[in-house]
N, C-alpha and C. Protein backbone atom coordinates (compact mmCIF):
# COMPACT_ATOMS: atom_id res chain seq x y z
N UNK A 1 100.28 123.52 19.66
CA UNK A 1 100.81 122.30 19.07
C UNK A 1 99.75 121.22 19.17
N UNK A 2 99.29 120.74 18.04
CA UNK A 2 98.32 119.65 18.06
C UNK A 2 99.03 118.33 17.73
N UNK A 3 98.56 117.27 18.34
CA UNK A 3 99.14 115.95 18.13
C UNK A 3 98.19 115.15 17.26
N UNK A 4 98.71 114.58 16.18
CA UNK A 4 97.89 113.78 15.29
C UNK A 4 97.62 112.43 15.93
N UNK A 5 96.39 111.93 15.75
CA UNK A 5 96.03 110.65 16.34
C UNK A 5 95.08 109.90 15.42
N UNK A 6 94.87 108.62 15.74
CA UNK A 6 93.88 107.82 15.03
C UNK A 6 93.03 107.09 16.06
N UNK A 7 91.77 106.83 15.73
CA UNK A 7 90.91 106.09 16.66
C UNK A 7 91.16 104.59 16.55
N UNK A 8 91.25 103.93 17.69
CA UNK A 8 91.46 102.49 17.74
C UNK A 8 90.34 101.88 18.59
N UNK A 9 89.73 100.81 18.09
CA UNK A 9 88.67 100.13 18.81
C UNK A 9 89.28 99.12 19.78
N UNK A 10 88.83 99.18 21.05
CA UNK A 10 89.34 98.26 22.07
C UNK A 10 88.19 97.78 22.94
N UNK A 11 88.27 96.51 23.30
CA UNK A 11 87.30 95.93 24.22
C UNK A 11 87.75 96.16 25.66
N UNK A 12 86.78 96.23 26.56
CA UNK A 12 87.07 96.28 27.98
C UNK A 12 87.38 94.85 28.41
N UNK A 13 88.63 94.56 28.77
CA UNK A 13 89.03 93.20 29.12
C UNK A 13 88.38 92.72 30.40
N UNK A 14 87.93 93.65 31.25
CA UNK A 14 87.24 93.27 32.48
C UNK A 14 85.78 92.90 32.23
N UNK A 15 85.26 93.31 31.07
CA UNK A 15 83.88 93.00 30.72
C UNK A 15 83.83 92.58 29.25
N UNK A 16 84.15 91.31 28.96
CA UNK A 16 84.22 90.85 27.57
C UNK A 16 82.90 90.98 26.80
N UNK A 17 81.78 91.05 27.50
CA UNK A 17 80.49 91.15 26.82
C UNK A 17 80.18 92.57 26.37
N UNK A 18 80.92 93.55 26.83
CA UNK A 18 80.63 94.94 26.47
C UNK A 18 81.05 95.24 25.04
N UNK A 19 80.45 96.28 24.50
CA UNK A 19 80.81 96.72 23.14
C UNK A 19 82.16 97.42 23.19
N UNK A 20 82.92 97.33 22.11
CA UNK A 20 84.21 98.03 22.10
C UNK A 20 83.99 99.54 22.05
N UNK A 21 84.95 100.27 22.60
CA UNK A 21 84.94 101.73 22.54
C UNK A 21 86.18 102.17 21.76
N UNK A 22 86.11 103.40 21.24
CA UNK A 22 87.23 103.93 20.48
C UNK A 22 88.08 104.83 21.36
N UNK A 23 89.39 104.66 21.23
CA UNK A 23 90.35 105.42 22.02
C UNK A 23 91.36 106.06 21.08
N UNK A 24 91.86 107.23 21.47
CA UNK A 24 92.85 107.93 20.65
C UNK A 24 94.22 107.31 20.86
N UNK A 25 94.92 107.09 19.75
CA UNK A 25 96.29 106.59 19.78
C UNK A 25 97.14 107.56 18.95
N UNK A 26 98.21 108.05 19.53
CA UNK A 26 99.07 109.01 18.83
C UNK A 26 99.70 108.36 17.60
N UNK A 27 99.70 109.09 16.49
CA UNK A 27 100.36 108.62 15.28
C UNK A 27 101.86 108.82 15.40
N UNK A 28 102.59 107.81 15.11
CA UNK A 28 104.05 107.92 15.11
C UNK A 28 104.49 108.03 13.66
N UNK A 29 105.20 109.10 13.38
CA UNK A 29 105.59 109.37 12.00
C UNK A 29 107.09 109.49 11.86
N UNK A 30 107.78 108.41 12.14
CA UNK A 30 109.22 108.38 12.00
C UNK A 30 109.94 108.61 13.30
N UNK A 31 111.25 108.51 13.23
CA UNK A 31 112.10 108.68 14.40
C UNK A 31 113.12 109.77 14.13
N UNK A 32 113.59 110.38 15.19
CA UNK A 32 114.66 111.37 15.11
C UNK A 32 115.77 110.86 16.01
N UNK A 33 116.94 110.61 15.44
CA UNK A 33 118.05 110.11 16.24
C UNK A 33 118.89 111.27 16.77
N UNK A 34 119.93 110.94 17.49
CA UNK A 34 120.75 111.97 18.14
C UNK A 34 121.44 112.87 17.12
N UNK A 35 121.78 112.32 15.96
CA UNK A 35 122.39 113.15 14.90
C UNK A 35 121.40 114.18 14.38
N UNK A 36 120.17 113.73 14.10
CA UNK A 36 119.14 114.64 13.62
C UNK A 36 118.81 115.70 14.67
N UNK A 37 118.70 115.25 15.91
CA UNK A 37 118.37 116.16 17.00
C UNK A 37 119.44 117.23 17.17
N UNK A 38 120.70 116.84 17.09
CA UNK A 38 121.78 117.83 17.23
C UNK A 38 121.76 118.84 16.09
N UNK A 39 121.44 118.39 14.88
CA UNK A 39 121.34 119.30 13.74
C UNK A 39 120.17 120.27 13.92
N UNK A 40 119.01 119.74 14.32
CA UNK A 40 117.83 120.59 14.51
C UNK A 40 118.07 121.65 15.59
N UNK A 41 118.73 121.26 16.68
CA UNK A 41 119.01 122.22 17.76
C UNK A 41 120.01 123.27 17.28
N UNK A 42 121.06 122.83 16.59
CA UNK A 42 122.08 123.79 16.14
C UNK A 42 121.52 124.79 15.13
N UNK A 43 120.50 124.39 14.37
CA UNK A 43 119.85 125.30 13.42
C UNK A 43 119.10 126.43 14.12
N UNK A 44 118.77 126.25 15.39
CA UNK A 44 118.00 127.25 16.14
C UNK A 44 118.86 128.12 17.03
N UNK A 45 120.16 127.90 17.05
CA UNK A 45 121.01 128.68 17.94
C UNK A 45 122.40 128.86 17.30
N UNK A 46 123.30 129.45 18.04
CA UNK A 46 124.64 129.72 17.50
C UNK A 46 125.64 128.62 17.81
N UNK A 47 125.19 127.55 18.48
CA UNK A 47 126.08 126.45 18.83
C UNK A 47 126.19 125.49 17.64
N UNK A 48 127.39 125.00 17.40
CA UNK A 48 127.59 124.11 16.25
C UNK A 48 126.94 122.75 16.51
N UNK A 49 126.68 122.02 15.43
CA UNK A 49 126.08 120.69 15.54
C UNK A 49 126.98 119.76 16.34
N UNK A 50 128.28 119.86 16.13
CA UNK A 50 129.22 119.01 16.86
C UNK A 50 129.18 119.28 18.36
N UNK A 51 129.05 120.55 18.73
CA UNK A 51 128.97 120.90 20.15
C UNK A 51 127.67 120.38 20.77
N UNK A 52 126.57 120.53 20.05
CA UNK A 52 125.28 120.04 20.54
C UNK A 52 125.34 118.53 20.68
N UNK A 53 125.91 117.85 19.69
CA UNK A 53 126.04 116.39 19.73
C UNK A 53 126.84 115.96 20.95
N UNK A 54 127.94 116.65 21.21
CA UNK A 54 128.78 116.31 22.36
C UNK A 54 128.01 116.47 23.67
N UNK A 55 127.21 117.52 23.76
CA UNK A 55 126.42 117.75 24.97
C UNK A 55 125.37 116.64 25.12
N UNK A 56 124.70 116.26 24.05
CA UNK A 56 123.67 115.22 24.13
C UNK A 56 124.27 113.86 24.51
N UNK A 57 125.42 113.53 23.96
CA UNK A 57 126.08 112.27 24.31
C UNK A 57 126.50 112.31 25.77
N UNK A 58 127.01 113.43 26.22
CA UNK A 58 127.39 113.57 27.63
C UNK A 58 126.16 113.49 28.53
N UNK A 59 125.04 114.03 28.08
CA UNK A 59 123.80 113.96 28.85
C UNK A 59 123.39 112.51 29.08
N UNK A 60 123.52 111.68 28.04
CA UNK A 60 123.22 110.24 28.19
C UNK A 60 124.06 109.64 29.32
N UNK A 61 125.35 109.89 29.28
CA UNK A 61 126.27 109.32 30.27
C UNK A 61 125.96 109.82 31.68
N UNK A 62 125.75 111.12 31.80
CA UNK A 62 125.49 111.71 33.11
C UNK A 62 124.16 111.21 33.68
N UNK A 63 123.14 111.12 32.83
CA UNK A 63 121.84 110.63 33.30
C UNK A 63 121.97 109.20 33.82
N UNK A 64 122.69 108.35 33.11
CA UNK A 64 122.89 106.96 33.55
C UNK A 64 123.58 106.93 34.91
N UNK A 65 124.60 107.75 35.08
CA UNK A 65 125.31 107.81 36.37
C UNK A 65 124.39 108.29 37.49
N UNK A 66 123.60 109.33 37.20
CA UNK A 66 122.70 109.88 38.22
C UNK A 66 121.60 108.89 38.60
N UNK A 67 121.07 108.15 37.61
CA UNK A 67 120.07 107.14 37.92
C UNK A 67 120.65 106.05 38.81
N UNK A 68 121.90 105.66 38.56
CA UNK A 68 122.51 104.62 39.38
C UNK A 68 122.74 105.11 40.81
N UNK A 69 122.79 106.43 41.01
CA UNK A 69 122.92 107.01 42.35
C UNK A 69 121.56 107.27 42.99
N UNK A 70 120.47 106.95 42.25
CA UNK A 70 119.13 107.15 42.79
C UNK A 70 118.62 108.57 42.69
N UNK A 71 119.24 109.38 41.85
CA UNK A 71 118.85 110.79 41.72
C UNK A 71 117.65 110.93 40.78
N UNK A 72 116.85 111.96 41.01
CA UNK A 72 115.80 112.39 40.10
C UNK A 72 116.37 113.54 39.29
N UNK A 73 116.14 113.53 37.98
CA UNK A 73 116.70 114.55 37.10
C UNK A 73 115.58 115.46 36.62
N UNK A 74 115.75 116.76 36.86
CA UNK A 74 114.77 117.75 36.44
C UNK A 74 115.39 118.54 35.30
N UNK A 75 114.82 118.41 34.10
CA UNK A 75 115.33 119.13 32.93
C UNK A 75 114.43 120.32 32.61
N UNK A 76 114.37 121.26 33.52
CA UNK A 76 113.61 122.49 33.32
C UNK A 76 112.19 122.21 32.90
N UNK A 77 111.72 122.90 31.86
CA UNK A 77 110.36 122.75 31.37
C UNK A 77 110.13 121.43 30.62
N UNK A 78 111.20 120.74 30.26
CA UNK A 78 111.03 119.46 29.58
C UNK A 78 110.34 118.47 30.50
N UNK A 79 110.80 118.39 31.74
CA UNK A 79 110.16 117.50 32.70
C UNK A 79 111.14 116.84 33.64
N UNK A 80 110.64 115.85 34.35
CA UNK A 80 111.40 115.16 35.38
C UNK A 80 111.55 113.69 35.02
N UNK A 81 112.75 113.16 35.23
CA UNK A 81 113.04 111.76 34.95
C UNK A 81 113.48 111.10 36.26
N UNK A 82 112.95 109.92 36.54
CA UNK A 82 113.38 109.16 37.71
C UNK A 82 113.35 107.67 37.38
N UNK A 83 114.02 106.88 38.20
CA UNK A 83 114.11 105.45 37.97
C UNK A 83 113.08 104.74 38.83
N UNK A 84 112.52 103.66 38.32
CA UNK A 84 111.57 102.83 39.05
C UNK A 84 111.97 101.38 38.88
N UNK A 85 111.83 100.59 39.93
CA UNK A 85 112.20 99.18 39.89
C UNK A 85 110.99 98.30 40.17
N UNK A 86 110.99 97.12 39.57
CA UNK A 86 110.04 96.06 39.92
C UNK A 86 110.86 94.89 40.41
N UNK A 87 110.33 94.19 41.42
CA UNK A 87 111.08 93.05 41.96
C UNK A 87 110.14 91.96 42.44
N UNK A 88 110.70 90.79 42.65
CA UNK A 88 109.98 89.72 43.29
C UNK A 88 109.85 90.08 44.77
N UNK A 89 108.83 89.58 45.42
CA UNK A 89 108.64 89.87 46.83
C UNK A 89 109.53 89.00 47.71
N UNK A 90 109.93 89.54 48.84
CA UNK A 90 110.72 88.81 49.82
C UNK A 90 110.01 88.86 51.16
N UNK A 91 110.19 87.85 51.97
CA UNK A 91 109.54 87.77 53.27
C UNK A 91 110.05 88.83 54.24
N UNK A 92 111.35 89.17 54.15
CA UNK A 92 111.94 90.18 55.02
C UNK A 92 112.79 91.12 54.19
N UNK A 93 113.12 92.29 54.76
CA UNK A 93 113.97 93.25 54.06
C UNK A 93 115.35 92.65 53.80
N UNK A 94 115.85 91.87 54.74
CA UNK A 94 117.18 91.26 54.59
C UNK A 94 117.20 90.21 53.48
N UNK A 95 116.05 89.61 53.22
CA UNK A 95 115.97 88.55 52.21
C UNK A 95 115.90 89.10 50.79
N UNK A 96 115.64 90.40 50.65
CA UNK A 96 115.56 91.00 49.33
C UNK A 96 116.96 91.19 48.76
N UNK A 97 117.22 90.57 47.63
CA UNK A 97 118.54 90.59 46.99
C UNK A 97 118.44 91.30 45.64
N UNK A 98 119.55 91.89 45.18
CA UNK A 98 119.54 92.54 43.86
C UNK A 98 119.09 91.61 42.73
N UNK A 99 119.36 90.32 42.86
CA UNK A 99 118.97 89.37 41.82
C UNK A 99 117.45 89.23 41.71
N UNK A 100 116.72 89.72 42.71
CA UNK A 100 115.26 89.64 42.71
C UNK A 100 114.62 90.80 41.94
N UNK A 101 115.43 91.76 41.52
CA UNK A 101 114.92 92.87 40.71
C UNK A 101 114.64 92.33 39.31
N UNK A 102 113.41 92.51 38.85
CA UNK A 102 113.01 91.96 37.55
C UNK A 102 113.01 92.99 36.43
N UNK A 103 112.86 94.26 36.79
CA UNK A 103 112.78 95.28 35.73
C UNK A 103 113.13 96.64 36.30
N UNK A 104 113.81 97.43 35.51
CA UNK A 104 114.06 98.84 35.82
C UNK A 104 113.50 99.65 34.66
N UNK A 105 112.88 100.76 34.99
CA UNK A 105 112.38 101.63 33.92
C UNK A 105 112.51 103.08 34.34
N UNK A 106 112.48 103.93 33.36
CA UNK A 106 112.59 105.36 33.60
C UNK A 106 111.20 105.96 33.54
N UNK A 107 110.85 106.71 34.58
CA UNK A 107 109.56 107.40 34.64
C UNK A 107 109.78 108.84 34.19
N UNK A 108 108.96 109.29 33.26
CA UNK A 108 109.04 110.66 32.76
C UNK A 108 107.75 111.38 33.15
N UNK A 109 107.90 112.54 33.79
CA UNK A 109 106.77 113.40 34.11
C UNK A 109 106.97 114.70 33.34
N UNK A 110 106.07 114.97 32.43
CA UNK A 110 106.21 116.13 31.55
C UNK A 110 106.12 117.43 32.33
N UNK A 111 106.89 118.42 31.88
CA UNK A 111 106.80 119.76 32.43
C UNK A 111 105.55 120.45 31.90
N UNK A 112 105.20 121.59 32.46
CA UNK A 112 103.95 122.29 32.10
C UNK A 112 103.76 122.49 30.60
N UNK A 113 104.78 122.94 29.85
CA UNK A 113 104.52 123.17 28.42
C UNK A 113 104.16 121.91 27.63
N UNK A 114 104.50 120.74 28.15
CA UNK A 114 104.27 119.49 27.43
C UNK A 114 103.05 118.74 27.91
N UNK A 115 102.39 119.24 28.94
CA UNK A 115 101.19 118.55 29.46
C UNK A 115 100.01 118.80 28.58
């Protein structure tokens, strides 16, 4: 599987006097939503599109619940998903409050076939 890309010129922000270098940027060619994904999966197996859709919607809900419990989710060869937080600093552990959390994001680590 090859990934299409385009070269993009970027300056080194740490050294403004340096010449720009070219870096590969993946080409994005449209989006696939949950409806499209369920149809594509059902075309490859004996499960109906409606059943695949139901499983994907349930996966969204279950993943959200598991992240709120602090769980890491391993989806076989697809990869691993975990939650990461950014917060303001506090002088002591007791002084750190939930309101000091500034951002939450999901970290994805690709499984072997996707690396």
